[in-house]
Amino acid sequence: MRMWGAAALAVLLAGCSSTIVPRGVGSPPPARPSSTRPPSAGLPVRQPIAATPIAPMAVAPVAGAATALTAGVAAGPATLPMTPDSAERALAAFRISCPSLVRRADASGLTQPGDWSPACTAASAVPAGGAMQFFATQFEPVQVGEGRAFATGYFEPEIAGSRRRERGYDVPVYAKPADLIEVDLGLFSNDLKGKRIRGRVEGSGFVPFYDRTQIEEGALAGRGLEIGWAADPIEFFFLQVQGSGRLRLPDGSVMRIGYAGQNGRDYTGIGKLMKDRGLLGPGQASMQGIVAWLRAHPAEGRAIMRENKSFVFFRELTGAGPLGALGVPVTGQGSVAADPKFVPLGAPVFLSMDRTDATGLWVAQDTGGAIKGANRFDTFWGAGDEARAIAGGMSARGTAFVLLPRGVLARLNAGRGGRTTP
């Protein structure tokens, strides 16, 4: 299952969070069993080590470009400053992307499925320590449009939870309700092609599904939809934003859950609301800062969080994961979310950024609601406290280069695919 919030922290800082179970105004959070570790939202944002990115090539912007093909591509540097560790992680991610790459239509317009076959064949036989050589020989870097990149970060959260409701675990983790119906409006009118809505049948009418407040106040209670119970409503919301995560059970085992659906209500980022209302001071506009404010102001925080009417439903994951938009597991420090109209899903990407941790080779294996346009990326950091500390404050700027199979750029330059720059 793909991460629903691949752009989770970007959207979060445009705002978000939520309380799931209603409590009396000003009431404390649920008692937490001594065997459960406290939430890690208070961990400080990891401070970056500054780096100097490669300067992008001067390319005239194309107004309204909808794909990489229309934005234009330019040949990138002859060599890229790869590191062995970054290349090895990217190679592992690229290998598992190959089955999709060689049969998937490329929405960016840059490649054809057959373009990837030589590199995918070669990837299966790369010797130990040969990842950098593989990328250097099989691919050529190109700059899409102006090349100026912005990257945020996401992670797989791990929070305290239980399979059963018990003391200290009373925040329901709901499965997708059977009466949540998605309607393809394009079936009714050509003018509405590509548009979908979600709702439920009430009497003889089709109405919006329950919003966050209604769900918190018990609209789904008693229907047997609970697949688990979380200990902390704020921590659970951050997991909702990410769209996938882990429940650390009382016995120390882990239950992995992934996105199963959403109630169809518009998403409202509370981070932006808080910032616009002057509730977040300097240095607080991070996941950690938002969580601290919510804990310090439970009544006001609940009211703000309910302004986000969107609610996410989950299913238990039993295989490898978490899964990205390609349907394959994403790799910590190796996978990145991108807009498939500008980066072929499964393609390697080199990010040269103004901080060292974001700089390196990544593979585009995911998408996200806020990850739109050329050179917009969301880096995946895996699970655990380290991943959370990095992703929670990730904000990097620099230059991006998409790695295309050798020969593709020559074909584009020959006039078979729009404007290119030699």
Protein backbone atom coordinates (compact mmCIF):
# COMPACT_ATOMS: atom_id res chain seq x y z
CA MET A 1 0.00 0.00 0.00
CA ARG A 2 1.41 3.37 -0.89
CA MET A 3 2.03 6.02 1.73
CA TRP A 4 -1.01 8.28 1.77
CA GLY A 5 1.07 11.09 3.17
CA ALA A 6 4.16 10.82 1.13
CA ALA A 7 4.08 14.56 1.32
CA ALA A 8 3.09 14.22 4.90
CA LEU A 9 5.45 16.61 6.58
CA ALA A 10 5.28 19.15 3.80
CA VAL A 11 1.52 19.15 4.20
CA LEU A 12 1.90 19.08 7.96
CA LEU A 13 3.85 22.29 7.95
CA ALA A 14 1.23 23.67 5.64
CA GLY A 15 -0.46 22.11 8.59
CA CYS A 16 -2.09 19.16 10.22
CA SER A 17 -2.90 16.95 13.17
CA SER A 18 -5.92 15.57 14.91
CA THR A 19 -7.45 14.24 18.06
CA ILE A 20 -9.32 11.01 17.43
CA VAL A 21 -11.21 10.32 20.65
CA PRO A 22 -13.13 13.18 22.33
CA ARG A 23 -12.42 13.91 25.96
CA GLY A 24 -13.60 16.49 28.42
CA VAL A 25 -12.14 19.93 27.81
CA GLY A 26 -8.73 20.13 29.41
CA SER A 27 -8.70 16.47 30.42
CA PRO A 28 -5.32 14.67 30.49
CA PRO A 29 -4.21 12.11 27.94
CA PRO A 30 -4.93 8.44 28.69
CA ALA A 31 -2.89 6.65 31.32
CA ARG A 32 0.07 4.99 29.67
CA PRO A 33 1.19 1.56 30.88
CA SER A 34 4.69 1.57 32.31
CA SER A 35 5.80 -0.97 29.70
CA THR A 36 5.19 1.49 26.86
CA ARG A 37 7.84 3.95 25.93
CA PRO A 38 6.74 7.59 25.77
CA PRO A 39 5.99 9.18 22.41
CA SER A 40 9.02 10.46 20.53
CA ALA A 41 7.38 13.62 19.18
CA GLY A 42 9.44 15.62 21.64
CA LEU A 43 12.73 14.60 20.04
CA PRO A 44 14.53 17.65 18.70
CA VAL A 45 14.71 18.26 14.97
CA ARG A 46 18.00 16.95 13.61
CA GLN A 47 20.18 19.90 12.76
CA PRO A 48 21.61 19.62 9.25
CA ILE A 49 25.21 19.88 8.09
CA ALA A 50 25.34 22.53 5.38
CA ALA A 51 26.42 21.65 1.85
CA THR A 52 26.86 23.56 -1.40
CA PRO A 53 24.60 22.21 -4.15
CA ILE A 54 25.53 22.00 -7.81
CA ALA A 55 24.25 25.09 -9.56
CA PRO A 56 21.43 24.38 -12.04
CA MET A 57 21.93 25.10 -15.70
CA ALA A 58 20.26 28.24 -17.00
CA VAL A 59 17.07 27.15 -18.73
CA ALA A 60 14.20 29.41 -19.72
CA PRO A 61 11.08 28.38 -17.77
CA VAL A 62 8.06 27.08 -19.67
CA ALA A 63 4.86 28.55 -18.27
CA GLY A 64 2.18 25.99 -17.53
CA ALA A 65 4.33 22.95 -18.30
CA ALA A 66 2.31 19.89 -17.31
CA THR A 67 4.97 17.21 -17.80
CA ALA A 68 8.73 16.85 -17.90
CA LEU A 69 8.51 16.62 -21.66
CA THR A 70 6.84 20.02 -21.96
CA ALA A 71 9.04 21.55 -19.23
CA GLY A 72 12.12 20.53 -21.23
CA VAL A 73 15.17 18.53 -20.26
CA ALA A 74 18.85 19.47 -20.40
CA ALA A 75 21.94 17.28 -20.16
CA GLY A 76 23.31 17.29 -16.62
CA PRO A 77 26.92 17.09 -15.37
CA ALA A 78 29.11 14.41 -16.89
CA THR A 79 29.76 13.03 -13.40
CA LEU A 80 27.86 13.28 -10.14
CA PRO A 81 29.38 13.30 -6.63
CA MET A 82 27.91 9.95 -5.62
CA THR A 83 28.91 8.17 -2.42
CA PRO A 84 29.13 4.37 -2.06
CA ASP A 85 26.48 4.13 0.68
CA SER A 86 23.96 6.25 -1.21
CA ALA A 87 24.58 4.33 -4.43
CA GLU A 88 24.17 0.94 -2.74
CA ARG A 89 20.82 1.94 -1.19
CA ALA A 90 19.64 3.33 -4.52
CA LEU A 91 20.69 0.17 -6.34
CA ALA A 92 18.67 -1.99 -3.93
CA ALA A 93 15.64 0.25 -4.45
CA PHE A 94 16.11 0.33 -8.22
CA ARG A 95 16.25 -3.46 -8.46
CA ILE A 96 12.84 -3.90 -6.85
CA SER A 97 11.40 -1.17 -9.10
CA CYS A 98 12.47 -2.87 -12.32
CA PRO A 99 9.46 -5.17 -12.78
CA SER A 100 7.22 -2.08 -12.81
CA LEU A 101 9.61 0.07 -14.85
CA VAL A 102 9.77 -2.29 -17.80
CA ARG A 103 5.99 -2.41 -18.21
CA ARG A 104 4.70 0.87 -16.77
CA ALA A 105 3.59 3.78 -18.97
CA ASP A 106 5.66 6.86 -18.13
CA ALA A 107 3.40 9.84 -17.39
CA SER A 108 6.37 12.23 -17.68
CA GLY A 109 6.66 11.50 -21.41
CA LEU A 110 10.43 10.98 -21.16
CA THR A 111 10.81 7.22 -21.43
CA GLN A 112 9.29 4.09 -22.88
CA PRO A 113 9.13 0.78 -20.95
CA GLY A 114 11.80 -0.80 -23.16
CA ASP A 115 14.27 1.96 -22.35
CA TRP A 116 14.76 0.47 -18.89
CA SER A 117 15.41 -3.13 -19.88
CA PRO A 118 19.22 -2.87 -20.34
CA ALA A 119 19.71 -1.14 -16.99
CA CYS A 120 17.41 -3.57 -15.20
CA THR A 121 19.25 -6.53 -16.70
CA ALA A 122 22.58 -5.04 -15.66
CA ALA A 123 21.29 -4.28 -12.15
CA SER A 124 20.76 -7.95 -11.45
CA ALA A 125 24.47 -8.69 -11.99
CA VAL A 126 26.19 -5.75 -10.25
CA PRO A 127 29.01 -7.11 -8.05
CA ALA A 128 29.48 -6.04 -4.45
CA GLY A 129 30.80 -2.52 -4.32
CA GLY A 130 29.85 -1.84 -7.93
CA ALA A 131 26.81 0.39 -7.43
CA MET A 132 28.53 3.67 -8.28
CA GLN A 133 29.97 2.25 -11.48
CA PHE A 134 26.57 0.86 -12.41
CA PHE A 135 24.83 4.23 -12.17
CA ALA A 136 27.71 6.01 -13.94
CA THR A 137 27.66 3.66 -16.93
CA GLN A 138 23.96 2.85 -17.33
CA PHE A 139 22.47 6.32 -16.94
CA GLU A 140 22.91 9.94 -17.92
CA PRO A 141 21.68 12.77 -15.67
CA VAL A 142 19.22 15.32 -17.01
CA GLN A 143 17.81 18.48 -15.52
CA VAL A 144 14.05 18.86 -15.80
CA GLY A 145 12.97 22.44 -16.38
CA GLU A 146 14.85 24.91 -14.22
CA GLY A 147 16.18 22.15 -11.98
CA ARG A 148 15.75 24.05 -8.73
CA ALA A 149 14.66 21.42 -6.20
CA PHE A 150 12.88 21.49 -2.87
CA ALA A 151 12.81 18.40 -0.63
CA THR A 152 10.97 17.56 2.56
CA GLY A 153 10.95 14.27 4.46
CA TYR A 154 8.62 11.53 5.67
CA PHE A 155 9.00 8.41 7.76
CA GLU A 156 7.14 5.36 9.07
CA PRO A 157 6.00 6.31 12.56
CA GLU A 158 5.93 3.85 15.42
CA ILE A 159 3.51 4.53 18.25
CA ALA A 160 2.22 2.68 21.29
CA GLY A 161 -0.83 0.54 20.53
CA SER A 162 -2.74 -2.63 21.28
CA ARG A 163 -4.88 -5.10 19.37
CA ARG A 164 -7.54 -4.86 22.09
CA ARG A 165 -9.02 -1.95 23.98
CA GLU A 166 -7.51 -1.86 27.44
CA ARG A 167 -6.40 0.66 29.99
CA GLY A 168 -4.21 3.28 28.31
CA TYR A 169 -5.21 2.21 24.78
CA ASP A 170 -8.54 3.75 23.81
CA VAL A 171 -7.95 5.57 20.51
CA PRO A 172 -9.63 3.41 17.84
CA VAL A 173 -7.77 2.50 14.68
CA TYR A 174 -10.60 1.96 12.21
CA ALA A 175 -10.78 -0.24 9.14
CA LYS A 176 -12.49 1.18 6.06
CA PRO A 177 -16.27 1.07 6.58
CA ALA A 178 -18.27 -0.95 4.06
CA ASP A 179 -20.71 1.91 3.56
CA LEU A 180 -17.97 4.32 2.44
CA ILE A 181 -18.63 4.49 -1.30
CA GLU A 182 -16.44 6.06 -3.98
CA VAL A 183 -18.22 7.35 -7.07
CA ASP A 184 -16.54 7.92 -10.43
CA LEU A 185 -18.31 11.03 -11.70
CA GLY A 186 -16.90 10.49 -15.16
CA LEU A 187 -19.42 7.67 -15.58
CA PHE A 188 -22.18 10.26 -15.46
CA SER A 189 -20.70 13.10 -17.49
CA ASN A 190 -17.74 13.51 -19.82
CA ASP A 191 -17.18 16.92 -18.25
CA LEU A 192 -16.46 15.19 -14.95
CA LYS A 193 -13.92 12.65 -16.19
CA GLY A 194 -11.18 12.03 -13.65
CA LYS A 195 -13.27 13.36 -10.76
CA ARG A 196 -14.34 11.16 -7.87
CA ILE A 197 -16.24 11.72 -4.65
CA ARG A 198 -16.73 9.60 -1.53
CA GLY A 199 -19.82 9.42 0.61
CA ARG A 200 -22.56 7.13 1.91
CA VAL A 201 -26.14 6.30 1.15
CA GLU A 202 -28.71 7.70 3.56
CA GLY A 203 -32.29 6.83 2.73
CA SER A 204 -32.64 7.47 -0.98
CA GLY A 205 -29.85 10.05 -1.11
CA PHE A 206 -26.06 10.08 -1.40
CA VAL A 207 -24.50 12.26 1.32
CA PRO A 208 -20.96 13.10 2.50
CA PHE A 209 -19.35 10.55 4.79
CA TYR A 210 -18.89 11.36 8.46
CA ASP A 211 -16.27 14.00 9.15
CA ARG A 212 -13.57 13.90 11.79
CA THR A 213 -15.71 15.37 14.57
CA GLN A 214 -18.57 12.95 13.91
CA ILE A 215 -16.18 10.00 13.92
CA GLU A 216 -14.53 11.19 17.13
CA GLU A 217 -17.97 11.51 18.71
CA GLY A 218 -18.83 7.89 17.95
CA ALA A 219 -20.35 7.73 14.46
CA LEU A 220 -18.48 4.45 13.79
CA ALA A 221 -18.52 3.01 17.32
CA GLY A 222 -20.07 -0.41 17.86
CA ARG A 223 -19.64 -1.58 14.27
CA GLY A 224 -16.64 -3.83 14.86
CA LEU A 225 -14.35 -1.74 12.66
CA GLU A 226 -11.54 -1.41 15.21
CA ILE A 227 -8.40 -3.26 14.06
CA GLY A 228 -6.37 -1.85 16.95
CA TRP A 229 -6.20 0.84 19.61
CA ALA A 230 -3.59 3.56 19.98
CA ALA A 231 -2.41 5.04 23.26
CA ASP A 232 -2.05 8.67 22.22
CA PRO A 233 -4.45 10.59 19.95
CA ILE A 234 -1.84 13.11 18.79
CA GLU A 235 0.69 10.43 17.95
CA PHE A 236 -2.00 8.51 16.08
CA PHE A 237 -2.86 11.52 13.97
CA PHE A 238 0.74 11.89 12.85
CA LEU A 239 0.54 8.26 11.79
CA GLN A 240 -2.64 9.11 9.88
CA VAL A 241 -0.80 11.87 8.07
CA GLN A 242 1.99 9.52 7.06
CA GLY A 243 -0.58 6.96 5.93
CA SER A 244 1.34 3.97 7.22
CA GLY A 245 3.08 3.01 10.43
CA ARG A 246 3.64 0.62 13.26
CA LEU A 247 1.83 -0.06 16.52
CA ARG A 248 4.27 -1.15 19.22
CA LEU A 249 2.19 -3.65 21.21
CA PRO A 250 2.38 -4.12 25.01
CA ASP A 251 4.38 -7.35 24.61
CA GLY A 252 6.98 -5.57 22.46
CA SER A 253 5.82 -7.01 19.14
CA VAL A 254 4.84 -4.81 16.21
CA MET A 255 1.60 -4.53 14.24
CA ARG A 256 2.10 -2.79 10.89
CA ILE A 257 -0.83 -0.85 9.44
CA GLY A 258 -1.29 0.84 6.08
CA TYR A 259 -3.68 3.18 4.33
CA ALA A 260 -7.02 1.62 3.40
CA GLY A 261 -9.11 4.67 2.56
CA GLN A 262 -10.16 8.18 3.47
CA ASN A 263 -13.55 9.67 4.30
CA GLY A 264 -13.65 11.96 1.27
CA ARG A 265 -13.59 15.18 3.25
CA ASP A 266 -11.16 17.93 2.29
CA TYR A 267 -7.84 17.96 4.05
CA THR A 268 -7.03 21.10 6.04
CA GLY A 269 -3.48 21.59 7.28
CA ILE A 270 -3.61 22.90 10.81
CA GLY A 271 0.05 23.91 10.81
CA LYS A 272 -0.81 26.75 8.45
CA LEU A 273 -3.84 27.65 10.56
CA MET A 274 -1.66 27.79 13.67
CA LYS A 275 0.99 29.85 11.92
CA ASP A 276 -1.56 32.28 10.46
CA ARG A 277 -3.11 32.73 13.90
CA GLY A 278 0.23 33.45 15.53
CA LEU A 279 0.22 30.29 17.63
CA LEU A 280 3.62 29.04 16.46
CA GLY A 281 6.64 31.12 17.34
CA PRO A 282 10.09 31.16 15.72
CA GLY A 283 11.53 27.67 15.44
CA GLN A 284 8.19 25.98 16.16
CA ALA A 285 7.08 25.38 12.56
CA SER A 286 8.16 21.73 12.57
CA MET A 287 6.38 18.51 13.44
CA GLN A 288 8.01 18.59 16.85
CA GLY A 289 6.97 22.20 17.46
CA ILE A 290 3.37 21.53 16.47
CA VAL A 291 3.17 18.48 18.74
CA ALA A 292 4.57 20.45 21.68
CA TRP A 293 1.93 23.15 21.18
CA LEU A 294 -0.87 20.59 20.96
CA ARG A 295 0.21 18.96 24.20
CA ALA A 296 0.49 22.30 25.97
CA HIS A 297 -2.95 23.49 24.78
CA PRO A 298 -5.23 20.41 24.72
CA ALA A 299 -8.58 22.22 24.49
CA GLU A 300 -7.53 24.74 21.85
CA GLY A 301 -5.61 22.04 20.03
CA ARG A 302 -8.63 19.76 19.83
CA ALA A 303 -10.72 22.55 18.32
CA ILE A 304 -8.06 23.37 15.73
CA MET A 305 -7.48 19.73 14.85
CA ARG A 306 -11.18 19.20 14.22
CA GLU A 307 -10.99 21.86 11.55
CA ASN A 308 -9.31 19.13 9.51
CA LYS A 309 -12.37 17.09 8.52
CA SER A 310 -10.33 14.42 6.74
CA PHE A 311 -10.03 11.01 8.41
CA VAL A 312 -7.90 8.01 7.34
CA PHE A 313 -8.79 4.32 7.64
CA PHE A 314 -6.27 1.47 7.90
CA ARG A 315 -5.68 -2.21 7.25
CA GLU A 316 -3.14 -4.52 8.83
CA LEU A 317 -0.08 -5.16 6.69
CA THR A 318 1.52 -8.59 6.89
CA GLY A 319 4.03 -8.52 4.02
CA ALA A 320 7.03 -6.35 3.28
CA GLY A 321 6.51 -2.64 3.58
CA PRO A 322 5.63 0.09 3.79
CA LEU A 323 4.67 0.12 0.12
CA GLY A 324 4.99 3.12 -2.15
CA ALA A 325 2.95 4.14 -5.18
CA LEU A 326 4.79 1.58 -7.33
CA GLY A 327 3.43 -1.20 -5.12
CA VAL A 328 6.90 -2.14 -3.86
CA PRO A 329 8.47 -1.57 -0.44
CA VAL A 330 10.11 1.82 -0.01
CA THR A 331 13.69 1.97 1.27
CA GLY A 332 14.80 4.22 4.12
CA GLN A 333 17.33 6.79 2.84
CA GLY A 334 16.87 5.34 -0.64
CA SER A 335 13.31 6.08 -1.76
CA VAL A 336 11.79 9.43 -2.62
CA ALA A 337 8.30 10.61 -3.52
CA ALA A 338 7.99 12.65 -6.70
CA ASP A 339 5.39 13.86 -9.17
CA PRO A 340 5.15 11.12 -11.85
CA LYS A 341 4.35 13.76 -14.46
CA PHE A 342 7.89 15.06 -14.04
CA VAL A 343 9.87 12.03 -12.86
CA PRO A 344 9.33 8.48 -14.19
CA LEU A 345 8.26 6.37 -11.23
CA GLY A 346 11.11 3.95 -10.54
CA ALA A 347 13.79 6.25 -11.96
CA PRO A 348 16.94 7.15 -10.00
CA VAL A 349 17.26 10.79 -8.98
CA PHE A 350 20.36 12.61 -7.76
CA LEU A 351 19.60 15.41 -5.31
CA SER A 352 22.36 17.97 -4.80
CA MET A 353 21.06 19.95 -1.84
CA ASP A 354 22.08 22.54 0.72
CA ARG A 355 22.30 19.90 3.47
CA THR A 356 24.37 16.73 3.38
CA ASP A 357 21.71 14.28 4.58
CA ALA A 358 19.40 15.00 1.64
CA THR A 359 22.21 14.94 -0.92
CA GLY A 360 22.71 11.71 -2.85
CA LEU A 361 21.04 9.09 -5.01
CA TRP A 362 17.38 8.26 -4.48
CA VAL A 363 14.80 6.25 -6.42
CA ALA A 364 11.35 7.69 -7.14
CA GLN A 365 9.04 5.01 -5.72
CA ASP A 366 6.24 7.04 -4.17
CA THR A 367 3.92 9.99 -4.72
CA GLY A 368 2.19 12.47 -2.44
CA GLY A 369 -0.67 14.94 -2.43
CA ALA A 370 1.63 17.92 -1.89
CA ILE A 371 4.42 16.61 -4.10
CA LYS A 372 3.45 18.33 -7.31
CA GLY A 373 5.45 19.83 -10.15
CA ALA A 374 8.99 19.59 -11.41
CA ASN A 375 11.80 19.12 -8.89
CA ARG A 376 9.59 18.67 -5.81
CA PHE A 377 10.59 15.68 -3.67
CA ASP A 378 9.78 14.00 -0.36
CA THR A 379 12.64 11.88 1.01
CA PHE A 380 11.84 8.70 2.96
CA TRP A 381 13.87 7.99 6.10
CA GLY A 382 12.52 4.67 7.37
CA ALA A 383 11.18 4.02 10.86
CA GLY A 384 12.23 4.89 14.39
CA ASP A 385 13.39 7.89 16.37
CA GLU A 386 16.32 8.71 14.09
CA ALA A 387 14.06 8.77 11.03
CA ARG A 388 11.54 10.93 12.83
CA ALA A 389 14.13 13.42 14.01
CA ILE A 390 15.45 13.89 10.46
CA ALA A 391 12.15 13.83 8.58
CA GLY A 392 10.44 16.13 11.08
CA GLY A 393 12.63 19.06 10.15
CA MET A 394 13.68 18.18 6.61
CA SER A 395 13.65 21.21 4.36
CA ALA A 396 16.33 21.23 1.68
CA ARG A 397 16.89 23.27 -1.46
CA GLY A 398 19.25 22.65 -4.33
CA THR A 399 19.31 21.02 -7.75
CA ALA A 400 17.80 17.76 -8.98
CA PHE A 401 18.96 15.50 -11.79
CA VAL A 402 16.85 12.62 -13.08
CA LEU A 403 18.92 9.65 -14.27
CA LEU A 404 17.61 8.39 -17.61
CA PRO A 405 18.85 5.27 -19.43
CA ARG A 406 21.61 6.11 -21.90
CA GLY A 407 20.25 6.94 -25.31
CA VAL A 408 16.97 8.46 -24.15
CA LEU A 409 18.22 12.03 -24.18
CA ALA A 410 19.60 11.60 -27.71
CA ARG A 411 16.20 10.40 -28.85
CA LEU A 412 14.48 13.39 -27.25
CA ASN A 413 17.01 15.75 -28.79
CA ALA A 414 16.31 14.21 -32.17
CA GLY A 415 12.88 15.77 -31.97
CA ARG A 416 10.72 12.84 -30.86
CA GLY A 417 9.54 14.37 -27.64
CA GLY A 418 9.31 18.12 -27.28
CA ARG A 419 11.75 20.82 -26.28
CA THR A 420 15.15 19.74 -25.00
CA THR A 421 18.32 21.62 -24.32
CA PRO A 422 21.67 20.09 -25.35
